């Protein structure tokens, strides 16, 4: 009886030691945990990737000089971005801020903590609604955790009263 104790039959009829089954289940669980933990890396990658580079461009190819999906697309008018605040363009993965009068900045809208989209932008601070991380609207740096990495800068151009992806 010791040869079959602690074994389980497989689909092929062979028996597998409980230790093997537990080890395999642990490996699967570890893989899932690593994928879940990888969300911070994914957020960082998204933060470092310029908005509008790749993916769909909602038909904006004709508006760009190089045809690189969304490049040159007008996001907003300068009057749409409040001083000390900003606006999130979730579909473009970017948040545009106006930290001081006439000064416009853009960052990834993906929080570097858990990959949520940032929300409120006021009083010079970009806030993530998921866990309360706060970022400086002027440079994307972390003002308050749990995030520990800044929002990645996104290139924009301001021509006249139009703000566009660079």
Protein backbone atom coordinates (compact mmCIF):
# COMPACT_ATOMS: atom_id res chain seq x y z
CA UNK A 1 0.00 0.00 0.00
CA UNK A 2 2.96 2.36 0.44
CA UNK A 3 3.46 2.51 -3.34
CA UNK A 4 0.03 4.07 -3.92
CA UNK A 5 -0.27 6.19 -0.80
CA UNK A 6 -0.03 9.92 -1.65
CA UNK A 7 -0.48 9.42 -5.39
CA UNK A 8 -3.09 10.67 -7.84
CA UNK A 9 -4.09 9.17 -11.19
CA UNK A 10 -3.49 11.25 -14.32
CA UNK A 11 -5.48 11.41 -17.54
CA UNK A 12 -3.15 8.79 -19.01
CA UNK A 13 -3.73 6.41 -16.10
CA UNK A 14 -0.27 6.91 -14.61
CA UNK A 15 0.05 7.86 -10.98
CA UNK A 16 1.80 11.01 -9.86
CA UNK A 17 3.18 11.63 -6.39
CA UNK A 18 1.34 14.26 -4.34
CA UNK A 19 4.63 16.15 -4.06
CA UNK A 20 4.74 16.52 -7.88
CA UNK A 21 1.15 17.79 -8.00
CA UNK A 22 1.78 20.30 -5.21
CA UNK A 23 5.00 21.49 -6.88
CA UNK A 24 3.23 21.94 -10.22
CA UNK A 25 0.37 23.84 -8.59
CA UNK A 26 2.90 26.03 -6.80
CA UNK A 27 4.67 26.79 -10.07
CA UNK A 28 1.38 27.79 -11.69
CA UNK A 29 0.54 29.98 -8.69
CA UNK A 30 3.98 31.57 -8.78
CA UNK A 31 3.57 32.31 -12.48
CA UNK A 32 0.23 34.00 -11.84
CA UNK A 33 1.71 35.98 -8.95
CA UNK A 34 4.60 37.15 -11.13
CA UNK A 35 2.18 38.28 -13.81
CA UNK A 36 0.14 40.18 -11.21
CA UNK A 37 3.28 41.72 -9.74
CA UNK A 38 4.33 42.65 -13.25
CA UNK A 39 1.59 45.29 -13.38
CA UNK A 40 4.03 47.81 -11.94
CA UNK A 41 6.44 47.05 -14.77
CA UNK A 42 3.60 47.29 -17.26
CA UNK A 43 2.59 50.64 -15.86
CA UNK A 44 6.20 51.78 -16.03
CA UNK A 45 6.46 50.62 -19.63
CA UNK A 46 3.23 52.40 -20.47
CA UNK A 47 4.50 55.48 -18.65
CA UNK A 48 7.72 55.46 -20.66
CA UNK A 49 5.96 54.83 -23.97
CA UNK A 50 4.87 58.03 -25.70
CA UNK A 51 1.12 58.36 -26.00
CA UNK A 52 -0.24 57.57 -29.41
CA UNK A 53 2.72 55.43 -30.45
CA UNK A 54 1.22 52.26 -31.78
CA UNK A 55 -2.22 50.81 -31.35
CA UNK A 56 -5.18 52.49 -32.93
CA UNK A 57 -5.10 56.13 -33.80
CA UNK A 58 -8.80 56.75 -34.36
CA UNK A 59 -8.12 57.76 -37.98
CA UNK A 60 -5.51 60.38 -37.14
CA UNK A 61 -2.87 59.06 -39.55
CA UNK A 62 -3.58 61.79 -42.07
CA UNK A 63 -2.84 64.48 -39.48
CA UNK A 64 0.68 63.40 -38.63
CA UNK A 65 3.91 64.14 -40.41
CA UNK A 66 5.34 60.63 -40.12
CA UNK A 67 2.12 58.62 -39.96
CA UNK A 68 2.98 57.20 -36.52
CA UNK A 69 -0.51 56.79 -35.07
CA UNK A 70 -1.86 59.88 -33.33
CA UNK A 71 1.24 61.99 -33.69
CA UNK A 72 0.28 65.61 -34.24
CA UNK A 73 -3.34 64.97 -33.25
CA UNK A 74 -4.91 67.92 -31.45
CA UNK A 75 -5.81 66.89 -27.90
CA UNK A 76 -7.31 70.11 -26.59
CA UNK A 77 -7.39 73.86 -26.74
CA UNK A 78 -5.20 75.66 -24.22
CA UNK A 79 -8.35 77.17 -22.67
CA UNK A 80 -9.55 73.61 -21.86
CA UNK A 81 -6.65 73.03 -19.44
CA UNK A 82 -7.10 74.98 -16.19
CA UNK A 83 -4.12 76.67 -14.57
CA UNK A 84 -2.93 74.51 -11.64
CA UNK A 85 -5.01 71.65 -13.01
CA UNK A 86 -5.27 69.52 -16.09
CA UNK A 87 -7.25 67.04 -18.09
CA UNK A 88 -6.93 63.26 -18.57
CA UNK A 89 -7.20 61.87 -22.10
CA UNK A 90 -7.71 58.23 -21.13
CA UNK A 91 -8.13 57.01 -24.71
CA UNK A 92 -4.71 58.47 -25.56
CA UNK A 93 -3.06 57.42 -22.28
CA UNK A 94 -2.00 60.96 -21.47
CA UNK A 95 -2.72 63.67 -18.91
CA UNK A 96 -2.06 67.30 -19.85
CA UNK A 97 -1.44 69.87 -17.11
CA UNK A 98 -0.91 73.62 -16.85
CA UNK A 99 1.25 74.03 -13.74
CA UNK A 100 1.71 77.78 -14.37
CA UNK A 101 0.01 80.22 -16.72
CA UNK A 102 0.89 79.35 -20.33
CA UNK A 103 3.09 76.35 -19.34
CA UNK A 104 1.75 72.99 -20.52
CA UNK A 105 3.13 69.56 -19.58
CA UNK A 106 2.04 66.03 -20.45
CA UNK A 107 2.58 62.70 -18.76
CA UNK A 108 1.39 59.13 -19.01
CA UNK A 109 -2.05 58.86 -17.41
CA UNK A 110 -1.16 55.41 -16.04
CA UNK A 111 -0.30 55.40 -12.34
CA UNK A 112 3.07 53.76 -11.70
CA UNK A 113 1.75 52.00 -8.60
CA UNK A 114 -0.90 49.66 -9.94
CA UNK A 115 -1.69 50.75 -13.48
CA UNK A 116 -4.90 52.67 -12.76
CA UNK A 117 -5.72 55.76 -14.77
CA UNK A 118 -5.05 58.94 -12.82
CA UNK A 119 -8.06 61.14 -12.15
CA UNK A 120 -8.26 64.47 -10.41
CA UNK A 121 -5.78 67.21 -11.31
CA UNK A 122 -5.97 70.26 -9.06
CA UNK A 123 -3.74 72.56 -7.03
CA UNK A 124 -0.68 71.37 -8.95
CA UNK A 125 -1.29 67.70 -8.07
CA UNK A 126 -2.33 64.70 -10.16
CA UNK A 127 -4.14 62.14 -8.00
CA UNK A 128 -4.76 58.46 -8.69
CA UNK A 129 -8.20 57.39 -7.43
CA UNK A 130 -7.21 53.75 -6.80
CA UNK A 131 -4.80 54.09 -3.88
CA UNK A 132 -4.30 57.84 -3.47
CA UNK A 133 -0.89 58.27 -5.08
CA UNK A 134 -0.15 61.89 -5.92
CA UNK A 135 2.15 63.30 -8.58
CA UNK A 136 3.49 66.79 -9.22
CA UNK A 137 1.66 68.37 -12.18
CA UNK A 138 4.84 70.21 -13.22
CA UNK A 139 7.24 67.27 -13.53
CA UNK A 140 5.32 64.04 -12.81
CA UNK A 141 7.36 63.28 -9.69
CA UNK A 142 5.80 61.41 -6.77
CA UNK A 143 4.42 63.71 -4.07
CA UNK A 144 2.70 60.96 -2.06
CA UNK A 145 2.80 57.15 -2.32
CA UNK A 146 2.19 54.31 -2.53
CA UNK A 147 3.61 54.98 -6.04
CA UNK A 148 7.39 55.27 -5.93
CA UNK A 149 8.10 56.08 -9.59
CA UNK A 150 7.18 59.29 -11.42
CA UNK A 151 4.71 59.48 -14.29
CA UNK A 152 6.56 59.25 -17.60
CA UNK A 153 6.74 62.46 -19.62
CA UNK A 154 4.87 62.58 -22.93
CA UNK A 155 5.92 64.97 -25.69
CA UNK A 156 3.37 67.57 -26.75
CA UNK A 157 3.45 70.70 -28.85
CA UNK A 158 1.54 73.91 -28.26
CA UNK A 159 0.85 75.93 -31.39
CA UNK A 160 -1.43 78.91 -31.01
CA UNK A 161 -4.28 77.70 -28.85
CA UNK A 162 -3.93 73.98 -29.79
CA UNK A 163 -2.19 71.27 -27.76
CA UNK A 164 -1.13 68.24 -29.80
CA UNK A 165 0.80 65.03 -29.31
CA UNK A 166 4.33 65.60 -30.61
